[in-house]
C-alpha atoms as a PDB file:
ATOM      1  CA  MET A   1     -37.656 -24.961  11.613  1.00  0.00           C
ATOM      2  CA  SER A   2     -36.298 -26.310  14.826  1.00  0.00           C
ATOM      3  CA  ALA A   3     -35.547 -24.277  17.923  1.00  0.00           C
ATOM      4  CA  TYR A   4     -31.870 -25.180  17.593  1.00  0.00           C
ATOM      5  CA  ALA A   5     -29.613 -24.976  14.591  1.00  0.00           C
ATOM      6  CA  THR A   6     -26.386 -26.851  14.079  1.00  0.00           C
ATOM      7  CA  ALA A   7     -23.391 -24.905  12.832  1.00  0.00           C
ATOM      8  CA  PRO A   8     -21.120 -26.501  10.224  1.00  0.00           C
ATOM      9  CA  SER A   9     -18.478 -27.200  12.868  1.00  0.00           C
ATOM     10  CA  GLY A  10     -20.930 -29.241  14.909  1.00  0.00           C
ATOM     11  CA  LEU A  11     -21.572 -26.595  17.565  1.00  0.00           C
ATOM     12  CA  ILE A  12     -25.119 -26.157  18.700  1.00  0.00           C
ATOM     13  CA  ILE A  13     -26.356 -22.594  18.497  1.00  0.00           C
ATOM     14  CA  SER A  14     -29.344 -21.791  20.656  1.00  0.00           C
ATOM     15  CA  PRO A  15     -31.454 -18.665  20.708  1.00  0.00           C
ATOM     16  CA  VAL A  16     -30.452 -16.365  23.565  1.00  0.00           C
ATOM     17  CA  PRO A  17     -33.126 -14.514  25.494  1.00  0.00           C
ATOM     18  CA  PRO A  18     -32.449 -10.848  26.287  1.00  0.00           C
ATOM     19  CA  ASP A  19     -31.052 -10.088  29.720  1.00  0.00           C
ATOM     20  CA  ALA A  20     -32.570  -7.700  32.253  1.00  0.00           C
ATOM     21  CA  THR A  21     -31.359  -4.599  30.357  1.00  0.00           C
ATOM     22  CA  GLY A  22     -32.933  -5.740  27.099  1.00  0.00           C
ATOM     23  CA  SER A  23     -29.705  -6.546  25.268  1.00  0.00           C
ATOM     24  CA  SER A  24     -28.588 -10.004  24.381  1.00  0.00           C
ATOM     25  CA  ILE A  25     -25.272 -11.762  24.501  1.00  0.00           C
ATOM     26  CA  LEU A  26     -25.116 -11.265  20.749  1.00  0.00           C
ATOM     27  CA  ASP A  27     -25.108  -7.483  21.270  1.00  0.00           C
ATOM     28  CA  ALA A  28     -22.272  -7.850  23.772  1.00  0.00           C
ATOM     29  CA  VAL A  29     -20.283  -9.982  21.325  1.00  0.00           C
ATOM     30  CA  ILE A  30     -20.835  -7.471  18.510  1.00  0.00           C
ATOM     31  CA  GLU A  31     -19.710  -4.637  20.772  1.00  0.00           C
ATOM     32  CA  GLU A  32     -16.594  -6.582  21.795  1.00  0.00           C
ATOM     33  CA  ILE A  33     -15.732  -7.257  18.140  1.00  0.00           C
ATOM     34  CA  ALA A  34     -16.235  -3.575  17.290  1.00  0.00           C
ATOM     35  CA  ASP A  35     -13.937  -2.532  20.157  1.00  0.00           C
ATOM     36  CA  ARG A  36     -11.228  -4.962  19.062  1.00  0.00           C
ATOM     37  CA  LEU A  37     -11.540  -3.833  15.450  1.00  0.00           C
ATOM     38  CA  ALA A  38     -11.276  -0.162  16.466  1.00  0.00           C
ATOM     39  CA  ALA A  39      -8.164  -0.891  18.533  1.00  0.00           C
ATOM     40  CA  ALA A  40      -6.594  -2.765  15.610  1.00  0.00           C
ATOM     41  CA  VAL A  41      -7.337   0.098  13.203  1.00  0.00           C
ATOM     42  CA  VAL A  42      -5.869   2.681  15.598  1.00  0.00           C
ATOM     43  CA  SER A  43      -2.679   0.662  16.112  1.00  0.00           C
ATOM     44  CA  ARG A  44      -2.263   0.095  12.366  1.00  0.00           C
ATOM     45  CA  LEU A  45      -2.748   3.805  11.646  1.00  0.00           C
ATOM     46  CA  ALA A  46      -0.196   4.718  14.309  1.00  0.00           C
ATOM     47  CA  ALA A  47       2.311   2.284  12.797  1.00  0.00           C
ATOM     48  CA  THR A  48       1.687   3.719   9.322  1.00  0.00           C
ATOM     49  CA  GLN A  49       2.181   7.282  10.569  1.00  0.00           C
ATOM     50  CA  GLU A  50       5.462   6.320  12.240  1.00  0.00           C
ATOM     51  CA  GLN A  51       6.605   4.678   9.026  1.00  0.00           C
ATOM     52  CA  ASP A  52       5.540   7.676   6.908  1.00  0.00           C
ATOM     53  CA  ALA A  53       7.262  10.121   9.258  1.00  0.00           C
ATOM     54  CA  GLY A  54      10.679   9.299   7.815  1.00  0.00           C
ATOM     55  CA  ASP A  55       9.590   9.239   4.173  1.00  0.00           C
ATOM     56  CA  TRP A  56      11.490  11.569   1.878  1.00  0.00           C
ATOM     57  CA  LEU A  57       9.810  12.977  -1.222  1.00  0.00           C
ATOM     58  CA  ASP A  58      11.379  14.760  -4.162  1.00  0.00           C
ATOM     59  CA  SER A  59       9.731  17.930  -5.480  1.00  0.00           C
ATOM     60  CA  ARG A  60       7.517  16.049  -7.932  1.00  0.00           C
ATOM     61  CA  GLU A  61       6.202  13.622  -5.304  1.00  0.00           C
ATOM     62  CA  ALA A  62       5.786  16.392  -2.722  1.00  0.00           C
ATOM     63  CA  ALA A  63       3.831  18.556  -5.179  1.00  0.00           C
ATOM     64  CA  VAL A  64       1.481  15.666  -5.938  1.00  0.00           C
ATOM     65  CA  TYR A  65       1.169  14.906  -2.212  1.00  0.00           C
ATOM     66  CA  LEU A  66       0.198  18.515  -1.428  1.00  0.00           C
ATOM     67  CA  GLY A  67      -1.879  19.025  -4.572  1.00  0.00           C
ATOM     68  CA  VAL A  68       0.109  22.020  -5.820  1.00  0.00           C
ATOM     69  CA  HIS A  69       2.188  22.642  -8.932  1.00  0.00           C
ATOM     70  CA  ARG A  70       5.917  21.900  -8.698  1.00  0.00           C
ATOM     71  CA  ASP A  71       6.798  25.530  -9.387  1.00  0.00           C
ATOM     72  CA  THR A  72       4.529  26.627  -6.539  1.00  0.00           C
ATOM     73  CA  LEU A  73       6.229  24.164  -4.227  1.00  0.00           C
ATOM     74  CA  ARG A  74       9.665  25.442  -5.221  1.00  0.00           C
ATOM     75  CA  LYS A  75       8.552  29.042  -4.589  1.00  0.00           C
ATOM     76  CA  LEU A  76       7.249  28.089  -1.149  1.00  0.00           C
ATOM     77  CA  ALA A  77      10.554  26.367  -0.390  1.00  0.00           C
ATOM     78  CA  ALA A  78      12.523  29.406  -1.609  1.00  0.00           C
ATOM     79  CA  GLU A  79      10.415  31.656   0.648  1.00  0.00           C
ATOM     80  CA  ARG A  80      11.088  29.233   3.518  1.00  0.00           C
ATOM     81  CA  ALA A  81       7.351  28.666   3.939  1.00  0.00           C
ATOM     82  CA  ILE A  82       7.934  24.911   3.603  1.00  0.00           C
ATOM     83  CA  SER A  83      10.943  23.157   5.056  1.00  0.00           C
ATOM     84  CA  SER A  84      13.099  21.609   2.338  1.00  0.00           C
ATOM     85  CA  HIS A  85      16.442  19.885   2.207  1.00  0.00           C
ATOM     86  CA  GLN A  86      19.096  20.058  -0.471  1.00  0.00           C
ATOM     87  CA  ASP A  87      22.504  18.408  -0.894  1.00  0.00           C
ATOM     88  CA  GLY A  88      24.066  21.532  -2.353  1.00  0.00           C
ATOM     89  CA  ARG A  89      23.335  24.631  -4.412  1.00  0.00           C
ATOM     90  CA  GLY A  90      21.534  23.745  -7.600  1.00  0.00           C
ATOM     91  CA  CYS A  91      20.794  20.210  -6.401  1.00  0.00           C
ATOM     92  CA  LYS A  92      17.438  18.543  -6.181  1.00  0.00           C
ATOM     93  CA  LEU A  93      15.061  19.543  -3.362  1.00  0.00           C
ATOM     94  CA  PHE A  94      13.764  16.929  -0.948  1.00  0.00           C
ATOM     95  CA  PHE A  95      10.900  17.165   1.537  1.00  0.00           C
ATOM     96  CA  ARG A  96       9.987  15.084   4.570  1.00  0.00           C
ATOM     97  CA  ARG A  97       6.401  13.853   4.516  1.00  0.00           C
ATOM     98  CA  SER A  98       6.035  14.640   8.238  1.00  0.00           C
ATOM     99  CA  GLU A  99       7.143  18.253   7.668  1.00  0.00           C
ATOM    100  CA  LEU A 100       4.674  18.624   4.792  1.00  0.00           C
ATOM    101  CA  ASP A 101       1.930  17.276   7.046  1.00  0.00           C
ATOM    102  CA  GLU A 102       2.906  19.764   9.757  1.00  0.00           C
ATOM    103  CA  TRP A 103       2.825  22.626   7.234  1.00  0.00           C
ATOM    104  CA  ARG A 104      -0.609  21.484   6.090  1.00  0.00           C
ATOM    105  CA  ARG A 105      -1.878  21.275   9.693  1.00  0.00           C
ATOM    106  CA  SER A 106      -0.602  24.779  10.452  1.00  0.00           C
ATOM    107  CA  GLY A 107      -2.785  26.275   7.742  1.00  0.00           C
ATOM    108  CA  GLY A 108      -0.848  25.490   4.596  1.00  0.00           C
ATOM    109  CA  ARG A 109      -0.796  27.862   1.684  1.00  0.00           C
ATOM    110  CA  ALA A 110      -3.697  29.983   2.937  1.00  0.00           C
ATOM    111  CA  ALA A 111      -1.813  30.826   6.141  1.00  0.00           C
ATOM    112  CA  HIS A 112       1.317  31.607   4.141  1.00  0.00           C
ATOM    113  CA  LEU A 113      -0.533  33.901   1.730  1.00  0.00           C
ATOM    114  CA  SER A 114      -2.250  35.792   4.544  1.00  0.00           C
ATOM    115  CA  ALA A 115       1.143  36.303   6.247  1.00  0.00           C
ATOM    116  CA  VAL A 116       2.620  37.638   2.982  1.00  0.00           C
ATOM    117  CA  VAL A 117      -0.289  40.050   2.544  1.00  0.00           C
ATOM    118  CA  THR A 118       0.036  41.232   6.151  1.00  0.00           C
ATOM    119  CA  GLN A 119       3.770  41.871   5.677  1.00  0.00           C
ATOM    120  CA  ALA A 120       3.179  43.797   2.447  1.00  0.00           C
ATOM    121  CA  ALA A 121       0.592  46.092   4.074  1.00  0.00           C
END
């Protein structure tokens, strides 16, 4: 094997000796790629969260999203534990994904149940 290898594009790739700190240029390139990839992932997640913030879910979709039964979700909405929106009395309930996420972050059902128990005592 020769000391130099030729890449398919015709570029000559030579072995790189480590610098004074013991790392090579290859390590620096890998770190730069990792930083760029992390920045791209963060920006894509932020864009997805902004897009999801305005998503409306009906009671079936919201129940699946939260992992609860539809009847449980309706009870929580009736108790005003979860913010819901309705066009009129007897109409379908709708939920904003961002509000469901906020409810989940604030403790979700466990926090609601502990508050109900505290009120009953």
